[in-house]
């Protein structure tokens, strides 16, 4: 019985790790910049609409109740621009900001 457990546990661990290695990027993490800019309207778009349209993404929740969400947009050459959304405590978009991709690192 112990021998079986010694074989089974590592096999399960490898299966779980293999699933993680081949997983896709979480929904919402990467969204075309044009789609974000056209769909997110400060003062109108809600947290629920963001989740339904783009999915979950990276977020920071502040003690004040505000949240900052960051979506990435592919910009070519392995670079990404960022679209940052500030949500007010009521869950409505307060403002947005787009950050251009950084310059490629010199070689």
Protein backbone atom coordinates (compact mmCIF):
# COMPACT_ATOMS: atom_id res chain seq x y z
CA UNK A 1 0.00 0.00 0.00
CA UNK A 2 2.85 2.43 0.84
CA UNK A 3 4.56 1.65 -2.45
CA UNK A 4 1.37 2.42 -4.33
CA UNK A 5 1.05 5.79 -2.53
CA UNK A 6 4.71 6.59 -3.28
CA UNK A 7 4.02 6.11 -6.98
CA UNK A 8 0.56 7.68 -7.09
CA UNK A 9 1.34 10.98 -5.31
CA UNK A 10 4.23 12.03 -7.60
CA UNK A 11 2.21 11.00 -10.66
CA UNK A 12 -0.69 13.21 -9.57
CA UNK A 13 1.69 16.09 -8.87
CA UNK A 14 3.17 15.81 -12.36
CA UNK A 15 -0.29 15.75 -13.91
CA UNK A 16 -1.26 18.93 -12.07
CA UNK A 17 1.97 20.69 -13.02
CA UNK A 18 1.60 19.65 -16.65
CA UNK A 19 -1.88 21.18 -16.68
CA UNK A 20 -0.48 24.46 -15.36
CA UNK A 21 2.33 24.53 -17.90
CA UNK A 22 -0.04 24.13 -20.84
CA UNK A 23 -2.77 26.43 -19.50
CA UNK A 24 -3.89 29.49 -21.40
CA UNK A 25 -3.62 33.11 -20.34
CA UNK A 26 -6.56 33.94 -18.04
CA UNK A 27 -9.53 35.50 -19.79
CA UNK A 28 -9.44 39.27 -19.71
CA UNK A 29 -5.75 39.59 -19.06
CA UNK A 30 -5.04 40.49 -22.71
CA UNK A 31 -7.59 42.52 -24.65
CA UNK A 32 -7.09 44.62 -27.81
CA UNK A 33 -6.61 48.29 -26.85
CA UNK A 34 -9.22 49.47 -29.35
CA UNK A 35 -11.85 47.22 -27.79
CA UNK A 36 -11.10 48.53 -24.29
CA UNK A 37 -11.11 52.19 -25.34
CA UNK A 38 -14.42 51.78 -27.19
CA UNK A 39 -16.18 49.78 -24.45
CA UNK A 40 -15.10 51.41 -21.17
CA UNK A 41 -16.87 54.71 -20.41
CA UNK A 42 -16.02 56.57 -17.18
CA UNK A 43 -19.13 57.31 -15.12
CA UNK A 44 -21.17 54.63 -16.90
CA UNK A 45 -19.39 51.28 -17.25
CA UNK A 46 -19.74 49.06 -14.18
CA UNK A 47 -17.57 46.40 -12.59
CA UNK A 48 -20.16 43.77 -13.56
CA UNK A 49 -20.02 44.89 -17.20
CA UNK A 50 -16.21 44.71 -17.20
CA UNK A 51 -16.30 41.18 -15.82
CA UNK A 52 -18.96 40.08 -18.31
CA UNK A 53 -17.20 41.66 -21.30
CA UNK A 54 -13.50 41.11 -20.58
CA UNK A 55 -13.28 38.71 -17.63
CA UNK A 56 -11.13 38.98 -14.52
CA UNK A 57 -7.72 40.59 -14.64
CA UNK A 58 -5.01 41.92 -12.34
CA UNK A 59 -6.52 44.15 -9.65
CA UNK A 60 -5.55 46.16 -6.59
CA UNK A 61 -8.17 46.97 -3.95
CA UNK A 62 -7.54 50.03 -1.78
CA UNK A 63 -8.77 50.60 1.78
CA UNK A 64 -10.96 53.45 0.47
CA UNK A 65 -12.98 50.95 -1.59
CA UNK A 66 -11.51 52.06 -4.92
CA UNK A 67 -10.04 49.38 -7.20
CA UNK A 68 -7.46 49.61 -9.97
CA UNK A 69 -7.71 47.02 -12.72
CA UNK A 70 -5.04 46.47 -15.39
CA UNK A 71 -5.64 44.90 -18.79
CA UNK A 72 -2.82 44.32 -21.26
CA UNK A 73 -2.98 44.77 -25.02
CA UNK A 74 -0.47 43.10 -27.36
CA UNK A 75 1.80 45.73 -28.95
CA UNK A 76 4.11 43.50 -30.99
CA UNK A 77 7.64 42.22 -30.41
CA UNK A 78 6.57 40.64 -27.12
CA UNK A 79 5.59 44.03 -25.67
CA UNK A 80 2.27 45.11 -24.19
CA UNK A 81 0.47 48.38 -23.57
CA UNK A 82 -1.57 48.66 -20.37
CA UNK A 83 -5.11 49.95 -19.92
CA UNK A 84 -5.69 50.90 -16.28
CA UNK A 85 -9.22 51.31 -14.95
CA UNK A 86 -10.06 53.00 -11.65
CA UNK A 87 -13.35 51.78 -10.15
CA UNK A 88 -15.07 53.82 -7.46
CA UNK A 89 -16.47 52.17 -4.28
CA UNK A 90 -19.88 51.81 -6.00
CA UNK A 91 -18.27 49.70 -8.75
CA UNK A 92 -18.49 52.31 -11.53
CA UNK A 93 -15.50 53.28 -13.69
CA UNK A 94 -14.16 56.60 -12.38
CA UNK A 95 -11.33 57.06 -14.90
CA UNK A 96 -9.06 55.21 -17.29
CA UNK A 97 -5.51 55.62 -18.44
CA UNK A 98 -3.58 53.90 -21.20
CA UNK A 99 0.16 53.34 -20.90
CA UNK A 100 2.14 52.91 -24.09
CA UNK A 101 4.45 49.89 -24.34
CA UNK A 102 7.98 50.39 -23.12
CA UNK A 103 10.81 50.53 -25.61
CA UNK A 104 12.57 47.23 -26.26
CA UNK A 105 15.62 46.59 -24.13
CA UNK A 106 18.94 47.35 -25.89
CA UNK A 107 20.94 44.31 -26.84
